[in-house]
Amino acid sequence: MSSPKLLKALFASTLFAVSLTTQAELPEWLPSAIQLPVPHEIVMDQALGTRTHILQIQLPSDPAPHFADWGSALTEQGYTVDESMLFDGRLLFSGKDIESGQIAILPSDQGEFILQVDVSRLTP
């Protein structure tokens, strides 16, 4: 039988491992200002040519409350943020090596949420 301390330690180490795995899965082109909600499942990480990248993750809850944090963090890291499309579930950004990028909530008929981050880089 397991002791409560052993279970607590096992649970804590599992959470730590999940965090490391989640962070290790993130593509190098994704600005570090965009911290993805946990838990999430990456459903697509695709390059279109050499400059355009798309990441889609599935989430159990609505990621819309994260837009303010993402916008602030992107601004702090030197990106230009455009909130004019927030009504449509999209946060636009550009700057540094990114010509254009967006964080968007896509419709899902499975009761979960799909968050897409796509960027077009200035250089490959």
Protein backbone atom coordinates (compact mmCIF):
# COMPACT_ATOMS: atom_id res chain seq x y z
CA MET A 1 0.00 0.00 0.00
CA SER A 2 1.21 3.51 -0.80
CA SER A 3 1.71 6.11 1.85
CA PRO A 4 0.17 9.59 1.42
CA LYS A 5 3.66 11.13 1.22
CA LEU A 6 4.68 8.71 -1.53
CA LEU A 7 1.50 9.47 -3.50
CA LYS A 8 2.04 13.21 -3.08
CA ALA A 9 5.65 12.92 -4.29
CA LEU A 10 4.60 10.78 -7.24
CA PHE A 11 1.86 13.26 -8.17
CA ALA A 12 4.28 16.22 -7.97
CA SER A 13 6.89 14.47 -10.10
CA THR A 14 4.24 13.56 -12.67
CA LEU A 15 3.12 17.20 -12.92
CA PHE A 16 6.74 18.30 -13.32
CA ALA A 17 7.29 15.70 -16.06
CA VAL A 18 4.14 16.84 -17.88
CA SER A 19 5.35 20.46 -17.78
CA LEU A 20 8.74 19.50 -19.17
CA THR A 21 7.18 17.38 -21.90
CA THR A 22 4.80 20.17 -22.85
CA GLN A 23 7.59 22.74 -23.04
CA ALA A 24 9.87 20.34 -24.96
CA GLU A 25 7.18 19.90 -27.63
CA LEU A 26 6.98 23.59 -28.47
CA PRO A 27 8.41 24.54 -31.86
CA GLU A 28 11.45 26.82 -32.02
CA TRP A 29 9.63 29.39 -34.15
CA LEU A 30 6.97 30.04 -31.48
CA PRO A 31 7.71 33.31 -29.63
CA SER A 32 8.49 32.57 -25.98
CA ALA A 33 5.89 35.22 -25.01
CA ILE A 34 3.17 32.79 -26.06
CA GLN A 35 2.85 30.47 -23.09
CA LEU A 36 0.36 27.74 -23.98
CA PRO A 37 -2.31 26.82 -21.45
CA VAL A 38 -1.83 23.54 -19.59
CA PRO A 39 -3.12 20.98 -20.20
CA HIS A 40 -3.07 21.01 -23.98
CA GLU A 41 -2.55 18.53 -26.77
CA ILE A 42 -0.67 19.47 -29.94
CA VAL A 43 -2.79 18.32 -32.88
CA MET A 44 -0.77 19.95 -35.67
CA ASP A 45 2.67 21.47 -36.05
CA GLN A 46 3.26 22.16 -39.72
CA ALA A 47 5.55 24.21 -41.93
CA LEU A 48 4.22 25.57 -45.21
CA GLY A 49 7.31 26.23 -47.24
CA THR A 50 10.23 27.73 -45.36
CA ARG A 51 8.62 30.85 -43.84
CA THR A 52 5.11 29.91 -42.67
CA HIS A 53 4.39 27.78 -39.61
CA ILE A 54 1.12 26.62 -38.04
CA LEU A 55 0.59 25.15 -34.60
CA GLN A 56 -2.80 23.88 -33.44
CA ILE A 57 -3.50 22.71 -29.92
CA GLN A 58 -6.60 21.25 -28.37
CA LEU A 59 -7.72 22.65 -25.03
CA PRO A 60 -10.43 21.60 -22.57
CA SER A 61 -11.41 25.22 -21.77
CA ASP A 62 -11.79 28.51 -23.60
CA PRO A 63 -8.37 30.17 -24.09
CA ALA A 64 -9.86 33.64 -24.73
CA PRO A 65 -8.94 34.93 -21.23
CA HIS A 66 -5.25 34.42 -22.17
CA PHE A 67 -5.35 37.01 -24.97
CA ALA A 68 -4.55 39.89 -22.59
CA ASP A 69 -1.51 38.05 -21.15
CA TRP A 70 -0.26 37.05 -24.60
CA GLY A 71 -0.67 40.62 -25.89
CA SER A 72 1.21 42.09 -22.92
CA ALA A 73 4.01 39.50 -23.11
CA LEU A 74 4.43 39.97 -26.87
CA THR A 75 4.58 43.76 -26.43
CA GLU A 76 7.15 43.41 -23.64
CA GLN A 77 9.31 41.28 -25.94
CA GLY A 78 9.26 43.92 -28.67
CA TYR A 79 6.45 42.71 -30.94
CA THR A 80 3.73 44.96 -32.30
CA VAL A 81 0.30 43.71 -31.22
CA ASP A 82 -2.96 44.44 -33.04
CA GLU A 83 -6.12 43.75 -31.00
CA SER A 84 -8.54 44.89 -33.73
CA MET A 85 -9.67 41.30 -34.45
CA LEU A 86 -10.24 40.19 -30.85
CA PHE A 87 -14.01 40.32 -31.51
CA ASP A 88 -13.37 37.45 -33.95
CA GLY A 89 -11.15 35.49 -31.53
CA ARG A 90 -7.84 36.55 -33.11
CA LEU A 91 -4.83 38.43 -31.74
CA LEU A 92 -2.48 39.67 -34.46
CA PHE A 93 1.21 40.41 -33.98
CA SER A 94 4.40 41.17 -35.91
CA GLY A 95 7.96 42.22 -35.30
CA LYS A 96 11.45 40.88 -34.81
CA ASP A 97 11.74 38.03 -37.32
CA ILE A 98 7.96 37.67 -37.80
CA GLU A 99 6.31 39.43 -40.72
CA SER A 100 2.83 38.54 -39.48
CA GLY A 101 1.39 36.23 -36.88
CA GLN A 102 -1.85 35.45 -35.16
CA ILE A 103 -3.24 33.56 -32.22
CA ALA A 104 -6.76 32.39 -33.08
CA ILE A 105 -9.50 30.33 -31.50
CA LEU A 106 -10.96 27.99 -34.11
CA PRO A 107 -14.43 26.50 -33.98
CA SER A 108 -14.64 22.91 -32.76
CA ASP A 109 -17.69 20.68 -32.69
CA GLN A 110 -16.14 18.30 -30.14
CA GLY A 111 -16.87 20.45 -27.07
CA GLU A 112 -13.21 21.39 -26.71
CA PHE A 113 -11.31 24.37 -28.06
CA ILE A 114 -8.71 24.57 -30.82
CA LEU A 115 -6.10 27.30 -30.52
CA GLN A 116 -4.04 28.05 -33.62
CA VAL A 117 -0.83 30.05 -33.72
CA ASP A 118 0.51 30.81 -37.16
CA VAL A 119 3.39 32.97 -38.25
CA SER A 120 5.04 34.06 -41.47
CA ARG A 121 8.70 34.76 -40.84
CA LEU A 122 10.71 37.40 -42.64
CA THR A 123 13.45 34.89 -43.43
CA PRO A 124 13.44 31.09 -43.43
